[in-house]
């Protein structure tokens, strides 16, 4: 059970190169639910908190990530898109396979609710260079 919980923590905001690795310092993840749906995909929901100045690190997902900023401010950097500063109430969509990074840029921790719909046969997150 502990390995499953650790794997879900690694997935939220996609910071870890593999499911077994830990998140970067300053990031807290709370998995809420993971279900195999729709066919061939896994849908994962959770909360992520990034300390001021913290970042997820560049990574990709084998499916989409969408979310909603609850608190704080983040700089969302998505390959092929202009950088965006997101505040509470803003939502985002990261296309499947897009290299991206999320940085907390405000003076308080940033919190977001995230939903991933990813190929269940692939790792949920992979590092990007």
N, C-alpha and C. Protein backbone atom coordinates (compact mmCIF):
# COMPACT_ATOMS: atom_id res chain seq x y z
N UNK A 1 0.82 -1.18 0.00
CA UNK A 1 0.00 0.00 0.00
C UNK A 1 0.87 1.26 0.00
N UNK A 2 1.95 1.26 0.78
CA UNK A 2 2.83 2.43 0.83
C UNK A 2 3.42 2.73 -0.53
N UNK A 3 3.77 1.71 -1.33
CA UNK A 3 4.32 1.94 -2.66
C UNK A 3 3.28 2.59 -3.57
N UNK A 4 2.02 2.20 -3.44
CA UNK A 4 0.96 2.80 -4.26
C UNK A 4 0.80 4.27 -3.89
N UNK A 5 0.77 4.59 -2.61
CA UNK A 5 0.63 5.97 -2.16
C UNK A 5 1.83 6.79 -2.63
N UNK A 6 3.04 6.26 -2.50
CA UNK A 6 4.23 6.97 -2.96
C UNK A 6 4.18 7.21 -4.46
N UNK A 7 3.70 6.24 -5.21
CA UNK A 7 3.60 6.40 -6.67
C UNK A 7 2.64 7.51 -7.03
N UNK A 8 1.51 7.60 -6.36
CA UNK A 8 0.56 8.66 -6.67
C UNK A 8 1.11 10.03 -6.32
N UNK A 9 1.84 10.13 -5.22
CA UNK A 9 2.48 11.39 -4.88
C UNK A 9 3.44 11.82 -5.99
N UNK A 10 4.19 10.88 -6.54
CA UNK A 10 5.15 11.18 -7.60
C UNK A 10 4.47 11.66 -8.86
N UNK A 11 3.25 11.25 -9.09
CA UNK A 11 2.54 11.58 -10.32
C UNK A 11 1.98 13.00 -10.32
N UNK A 12 1.40 13.43 -9.23
CA UNK A 12 0.70 14.70 -9.21
C UNK A 12 1.64 15.83 -9.58
N UNK A 13 1.26 16.60 -10.59
CA UNK A 13 2.03 17.63 -11.27
C UNK A 13 3.24 17.05 -11.98
N UNK A 14 3.36 15.76 -11.99
CA UNK A 14 4.31 15.07 -12.85
C UNK A 14 5.76 15.35 -12.60
N UNK A 15 6.15 15.58 -11.40
CA UNK A 15 7.52 16.00 -11.14
C UNK A 15 8.54 14.87 -11.19
N UNK A 16 8.17 13.69 -10.90
CA UNK A 16 9.16 12.63 -10.75
C UNK A 16 9.36 11.87 -12.05
N UNK A 17 10.60 11.49 -12.34
CA UNK A 17 10.85 10.76 -13.56
C UNK A 17 10.23 9.38 -13.57
N UNK A 18 10.11 8.74 -12.43
CA UNK A 18 9.44 7.45 -12.36
C UNK A 18 8.50 7.47 -11.18
N UNK A 19 7.60 6.52 -11.12
CA UNK A 19 6.62 6.51 -10.04
C UNK A 19 7.25 6.26 -8.68
N UNK A 20 8.38 5.59 -8.64
CA UNK A 20 8.98 5.22 -7.36
C UNK A 20 9.81 6.35 -6.76
N UNK A 21 10.16 7.37 -7.54
CA UNK A 21 11.02 8.43 -7.03
C UNK A 21 10.22 9.46 -6.26
N UNK A 22 10.89 10.17 -5.37
CA UNK A 22 10.23 11.18 -4.56
C UNK A 22 10.16 12.50 -5.31
N UNK A 23 9.22 13.34 -4.90
CA UNK A 23 9.06 14.67 -5.49
C UNK A 23 10.21 15.57 -5.07
N UNK A 24 10.46 16.63 -5.85
CA UNK A 24 11.47 17.60 -5.44
C UNK A 24 11.10 18.23 -4.10
N UNK A 25 12.09 18.74 -3.40
CA UNK A 25 11.85 19.40 -2.12
C UNK A 25 10.91 20.59 -2.32
N UNK A 26 10.05 20.83 -1.37
CA UNK A 26 9.14 21.97 -1.45
C UNK A 26 7.84 21.68 -2.14
N UNK A 27 7.62 20.42 -2.56
CA UNK A 27 6.37 20.05 -3.21
C UNK A 27 5.67 18.97 -2.39
N UNK A 28 4.40 19.21 -2.11
CA UNK A 28 3.59 18.23 -1.38
C UNK A 28 2.45 17.81 -2.28
N UNK A 29 2.21 16.51 -2.37
CA UNK A 29 1.13 15.99 -3.20
C UNK A 29 0.16 15.17 -2.35
N UNK A 30 -1.11 15.34 -2.61
CA UNK A 30 -2.14 14.56 -1.93
C UNK A 30 -3.00 13.88 -2.98
N UNK A 31 -2.80 12.57 -3.19
CA UNK A 31 -3.63 11.87 -4.17
C UNK A 31 -5.06 11.76 -3.64
N UNK A 32 -6.02 11.94 -4.52
CA UNK A 32 -7.42 11.85 -4.13
C UNK A 32 -8.08 10.61 -4.71
N UNK A 33 -7.80 10.33 -5.99
CA UNK A 33 -8.46 9.19 -6.62
C UNK A 33 -7.70 8.81 -7.89
N UNK A 34 -7.69 7.51 -8.20
CA UNK A 34 -7.15 7.01 -9.46
C UNK A 34 -8.08 5.89 -9.92
N UNK A 35 -8.55 6.02 -11.16
CA UNK A 35 -9.45 5.00 -11.71
C UNK A 35 -9.03 4.65 -13.13
N UNK A 36 -9.26 3.43 -13.54
CA UNK A 36 -9.00 3.01 -14.90
C UNK A 36 -10.23 3.35 -15.74
N UNK A 37 -10.18 4.53 -16.36
CA UNK A 37 -11.27 5.01 -17.20
C UNK A 37 -10.80 6.22 -17.96
N UNK A 38 -11.14 6.38 -19.21
CA UNK A 38 -11.85 5.46 -20.08
C UNK A 38 -10.96 4.29 -20.49
N UNK A 39 -11.48 3.38 -21.32
CA UNK A 39 -10.74 2.19 -21.72
C UNK A 39 -9.33 2.50 -22.19
N UNK A 40 -8.35 1.82 -21.58
CA UNK A 40 -6.95 2.01 -21.93
C UNK A 40 -6.28 3.19 -21.26
N UNK A 41 -7.03 3.95 -20.47
CA UNK A 41 -6.50 5.14 -19.81
C UNK A 41 -6.69 5.05 -18.30
N UNK A 42 -5.92 5.83 -17.59
CA UNK A 42 -6.07 5.99 -16.14
C UNK A 42 -6.34 7.47 -15.88
N UNK A 43 -7.33 7.74 -15.05
CA UNK A 43 -7.65 9.11 -14.65
C UNK A 43 -7.23 9.27 -13.20
N UNK A 44 -6.37 10.26 -12.95
CA UNK A 44 -5.81 10.50 -11.62
C UNK A 44 -6.16 11.93 -11.21
N UNK A 45 -6.69 12.09 -9.99
CA UNK A 45 -6.96 13.42 -9.46
C UNK A 45 -6.19 13.62 -8.17
N UNK A 46 -5.84 14.87 -7.91
CA UNK A 46 -5.12 15.13 -6.68
C UNK A 46 -4.87 16.61 -6.46
N UNK A 47 -4.33 16.91 -5.29
CA UNK A 47 -3.94 18.26 -4.92
C UNK A 47 -2.42 18.34 -4.89
N UNK A 48 -1.91 19.46 -5.32
CA UNK A 48 -0.46 19.69 -5.26
C UNK A 48 -0.21 21.03 -4.61
N UNK A 49 0.83 21.08 -3.78
CA UNK A 49 1.22 22.32 -3.13
C UNK A 49 2.70 22.53 -3.39
N UNK A 50 3.05 23.74 -3.87
CA UNK A 50 4.45 24.07 -4.16
C UNK A 50 4.83 25.26 -3.29
N UNK A 51 5.88 25.10 -2.50
CA UNK A 51 6.36 26.17 -1.63
C UNK A 51 6.83 27.35 -2.48
N UNK A 52 6.79 28.56 -1.93
CA UNK A 52 7.28 29.72 -2.67
C UNK A 52 8.70 29.46 -3.21
N UNK A 53 8.88 29.72 -4.49
CA UNK A 53 10.18 29.50 -5.12
C UNK A 53 10.41 28.08 -5.60
N UNK A 54 9.54 27.15 -5.26
CA UNK A 54 9.69 25.75 -5.67
C UNK A 54 9.22 25.54 -7.10
N UNK A 55 9.63 24.42 -7.69
CA UNK A 55 9.25 24.09 -9.06
C UNK A 55 9.11 22.59 -9.23
N UNK A 56 8.31 22.20 -10.21
CA UNK A 56 8.12 20.78 -10.48
C UNK A 56 9.30 20.19 -11.25
N UNK A 57 9.97 20.99 -12.05
CA UNK A 57 11.01 20.50 -12.94
C UNK A 57 10.40 20.07 -14.27
N UNK A 58 11.12 20.21 -15.37
CA UNK A 58 10.58 19.86 -16.69
C UNK A 58 10.22 18.38 -16.79
N UNK A 59 9.02 18.11 -17.31
CA UNK A 59 8.53 16.74 -17.43
C UNK A 59 7.42 16.66 -18.47
N UNK A 60 7.00 15.44 -18.78
CA UNK A 60 5.89 15.20 -19.71
C UNK A 60 4.96 14.14 -19.13
N UNK A 61 3.77 14.03 -19.72
CA UNK A 61 2.79 12.99 -19.36
C UNK A 61 2.30 12.33 -20.63
N UNK A 62 1.94 11.04 -20.58
CA UNK A 62 1.42 10.34 -21.75
C UNK A 62 -0.09 10.54 -21.92
N UNK A 63 -0.53 11.75 -21.69
CA UNK A 63 -1.94 12.12 -21.79
C UNK A 63 -2.08 13.55 -21.30
N UNK A 64 -3.30 14.02 -21.21
CA UNK A 64 -3.52 15.41 -20.83
C UNK A 64 -3.47 15.61 -19.32
N UNK A 65 -3.15 16.84 -18.94
CA UNK A 65 -3.26 17.29 -17.56
C UNK A 65 -4.09 18.56 -17.60
N UNK A 66 -5.07 18.65 -16.75
CA UNK A 66 -5.85 19.86 -16.63
C UNK A 66 -5.97 20.17 -15.14
N UNK A 67 -6.16 21.42 -14.82
CA UNK A 67 -6.23 21.76 -13.41
C UNK A 67 -6.75 23.15 -13.16
N UNK A 68 -6.79 23.48 -11.88
CA UNK A 68 -7.37 24.71 -11.38
C UNK A 68 -6.51 25.19 -10.21
N UNK A 69 -6.08 26.44 -10.25
CA UNK A 69 -5.26 27.01 -9.18
C UNK A 69 -6.18 27.45 -8.04
N UNK A 70 -5.89 26.93 -6.85
CA UNK A 70 -6.69 27.24 -5.66
C UNK A 70 -6.12 28.40 -4.86
N UNK A 71 -4.79 28.44 -4.74
CA UNK A 71 -4.12 29.47 -3.93
C UNK A 71 -2.76 29.77 -4.54
N UNK A 72 -2.24 30.96 -4.25
CA UNK A 72 -0.90 31.33 -4.68
C UNK A 72 -0.84 31.67 -6.16
N UNK A 73 0.40 31.81 -6.65
CA UNK A 73 0.65 32.11 -8.06
C UNK A 73 1.68 31.15 -8.60
N UNK A 74 1.49 30.72 -9.85
CA UNK A 74 2.47 29.85 -10.50
C UNK A 74 2.82 30.40 -11.87
N UNK A 75 4.03 30.13 -12.29
CA UNK A 75 4.47 30.38 -13.65
C UNK A 75 4.37 29.05 -14.36
N UNK A 76 3.50 28.97 -15.36
CA UNK A 76 3.27 27.74 -16.12
C UNK A 76 4.04 27.89 -17.43
N UNK A 77 5.01 27.01 -17.64
CA UNK A 77 5.81 27.01 -18.86
C UNK A 77 5.51 25.72 -19.62
N UNK A 78 4.85 25.84 -20.77
CA UNK A 78 4.46 24.70 -21.58
C UNK A 78 5.09 24.88 -22.96
N UNK A 79 5.81 23.87 -23.39
CA UNK A 79 6.46 23.90 -24.70
C UNK A 79 5.45 24.27 -25.80
N UNK A 80 5.85 25.23 -26.64
CA UNK A 80 4.99 25.63 -27.74
C UNK A 80 3.94 26.67 -27.37
N UNK A 81 3.91 27.09 -26.10
CA UNK A 81 2.94 28.09 -25.65
C UNK A 81 3.69 29.21 -24.94
N UNK A 82 3.12 30.42 -24.93
CA UNK A 82 3.75 31.49 -24.14
C UNK A 82 3.65 31.16 -22.66
N UNK A 83 4.65 31.57 -21.88
CA UNK A 83 4.59 31.40 -20.43
C UNK A 83 3.37 32.14 -19.89
N UNK A 84 2.76 31.56 -18.85
CA UNK A 84 1.58 32.16 -18.23
C UNK A 84 1.74 32.20 -16.73
N UNK A 85 1.36 33.31 -16.11
CA UNK A 85 1.28 33.38 -14.66
C UNK A 85 -0.18 33.14 -14.30
N UNK A 86 -0.40 32.12 -13.47
CA UNK A 86 -1.75 31.73 -13.08
C UNK A 86 -1.99 32.08 -11.62
N UNK A 87 -3.19 32.56 -11.34
CA UNK A 87 -3.60 32.95 -9.99
C UNK A 87 -4.84 32.16 -9.59
N UNK A 88 -5.25 32.24 -8.33
CA UNK A 88 -6.45 31.52 -7.90
C UNK A 88 -7.63 31.79 -8.84
N UNK A 89 -8.29 30.70 -9.22
CA UNK A 89 -9.42 30.81 -10.13
C UNK A 89 -9.05 30.53 -11.58
N UNK A 90 -7.75 30.53 -11.90
CA UNK A 90 -7.32 30.23 -13.27
C UNK A 90 -7.23 28.73 -13.47
N UNK A 91 -7.54 28.30 -14.68
CA UNK A 91 -7.41 26.88 -15.01
C UNK A 91 -6.37 26.72 -16.12
N UNK A 92 -5.95 25.49 -16.33
CA UNK A 92 -4.93 25.21 -17.34
C UNK A 92 -5.18 23.85 -17.98
N UNK A 93 -4.61 23.69 -19.18
CA UNK A 93 -4.64 22.43 -19.89
C UNK A 93 -3.26 22.23 -20.51
N UNK A 94 -2.66 21.08 -20.23
CA UNK A 94 -1.36 20.74 -20.81
C UNK A 94 -1.59 19.57 -21.76
N UNK A 95 -1.28 19.76 -23.05
CA UNK A 95 -1.51 18.69 -24.02
C UNK A 95 -0.65 17.46 -23.74
N UNK A 96 -1.12 16.33 -24.20
CA UNK A 96 -0.38 15.06 -24.05
C UNK A 96 1.02 15.21 -24.64
N UNK A 97 2.02 14.79 -23.87
CA UNK A 97 3.40 14.77 -24.33
C UNK A 97 4.11 16.10 -24.31
N UNK A 98 3.44 17.19 -23.95
CA UNK A 98 4.07 18.51 -23.95
C UNK A 98 5.02 18.65 -22.76
N UNK A 99 6.23 19.07 -23.04
CA UNK A 99 7.21 19.35 -21.98
C UNK A 99 6.72 20.59 -21.22
N UNK A 100 6.73 20.51 -19.88
CA UNK A 100 6.27 21.64 -19.09
C UNK A 100 6.93 21.68 -17.72
N UNK A 101 6.82 22.85 -17.09
CA UNK A 101 7.36 23.08 -15.75
C UNK A 101 6.41 24.05 -15.05
N UNK A 102 6.26 23.89 -13.74
CA UNK A 102 5.40 24.76 -12.95
C UNK A 102 6.23 25.29 -11.79
N UNK A 103 6.25 26.62 -11.64
CA UNK A 103 7.03 27.25 -10.57
C UNK A 103 6.13 28.13 -9.72
N UNK A 104 6.29 28.04 -8.40
CA UNK A 104 5.55 28.91 -7.49
C UNK A 104 6.28 30.25 -7.45
N UNK A 105 5.58 31.32 -7.85
CA UNK A 105 6.24 32.62 -7.95
C UNK A 105 5.73 33.65 -6.95
N UNK A 106 4.73 33.30 -6.17
CA UNK A 106 4.20 34.23 -5.19
C UNK A 106 4.91 34.11 -3.85
N UNK A 107 4.40 34.86 -2.88
CA UNK A 107 4.99 34.86 -1.55
C UNK A 107 4.37 33.79 -0.64
N UNK A 108 3.33 33.12 -1.13
CA UNK A 108 2.69 32.03 -0.39
C UNK A 108 2.72 30.77 -1.23
N UNK A 109 2.54 29.64 -0.60
CA UNK A 109 2.53 28.37 -1.33
C UNK A 109 1.40 28.37 -2.36
N UNK A 110 1.68 27.78 -3.50
CA UNK A 110 0.67 27.62 -4.54
C UNK A 110 0.01 26.25 -4.37
N UNK A 111 -1.31 26.21 -4.50
CA UNK A 111 -2.05 24.96 -4.41
C UNK A 111 -2.92 24.82 -5.65
N UNK A 112 -2.96 23.61 -6.20
CA UNK A 112 -3.77 23.37 -7.39
C UNK A 112 -4.42 21.99 -7.30
N UNK A 113 -5.58 21.90 -7.93
CA UNK A 113 -6.27 20.63 -8.12
C UNK A 113 -5.96 20.20 -9.54
N UNK A 114 -5.46 18.98 -9.72
CA UNK A 114 -5.06 18.50 -11.04
C UNK A 114 -5.78 17.21 -11.39
N UNK A 115 -6.06 17.05 -12.69
CA UNK A 115 -6.65 15.84 -13.24
C UNK A 115 -5.79 15.40 -14.41
N UNK A 116 -5.38 14.15 -14.40
CA UNK A 116 -4.59 13.56 -15.47
C UNK A 116 -5.41 12.45 -16.12
N UNK A 117 -5.44 12.41 -17.45
CA UNK A 117 -6.03 11.30 -18.19
C UNK A 117 -4.91 10.79 -19.08
N UNK A 118 -4.33 9.66 -18.68
CA UNK A 118 -3.09 9.19 -19.31
C UNK A 118 -3.19 7.73 -19.73
N UNK A 119 -2.34 7.37 -20.68
CA UNK A 119 -2.22 5.99 -21.15
C UNK A 119 -1.80 5.14 -19.95
N UNK A 120 -2.63 4.17 -19.57
CA UNK A 120 -2.32 3.40 -18.36
C UNK A 120 -1.17 2.43 -18.56
N UNK A 121 -0.74 2.20 -19.81
CA UNK A 121 0.39 1.29 -20.08
C UNK A 121 1.73 2.03 -19.99
N UNK A 122 1.71 3.34 -19.85
CA UNK A 122 2.93 4.16 -19.82
C UNK A 122 3.13 4.74 -18.43
N UNK A 123 4.38 5.12 -18.12
CA UNK A 123 4.60 5.84 -16.85
C UNK A 123 3.79 7.14 -16.85
N UNK A 124 3.27 7.52 -15.73
CA UNK A 124 2.44 8.71 -15.67
C UNK A 124 3.22 10.01 -15.86
N UNK A 125 4.50 9.99 -15.57
CA UNK A 125 5.33 11.17 -15.76
C UNK A 125 6.73 10.72 -16.15
N UNK A 126 7.35 11.51 -17.01
CA UNK A 126 8.73 11.25 -17.44
C UNK A 126 9.49 12.54 -17.43
N UNK A 127 10.77 12.52 -17.03
CA UNK A 127 11.56 13.75 -17.03
C UNK A 127 11.77 14.24 -18.46
N UNK A 128 11.89 15.53 -18.61
CA UNK A 128 12.18 16.13 -19.91
C UNK A 128 13.44 16.97 -19.78
N UNK A 129 14.18 17.05 -20.83
CA UNK A 129 15.43 17.83 -20.81
C UNK A 129 15.30 19.09 -21.57
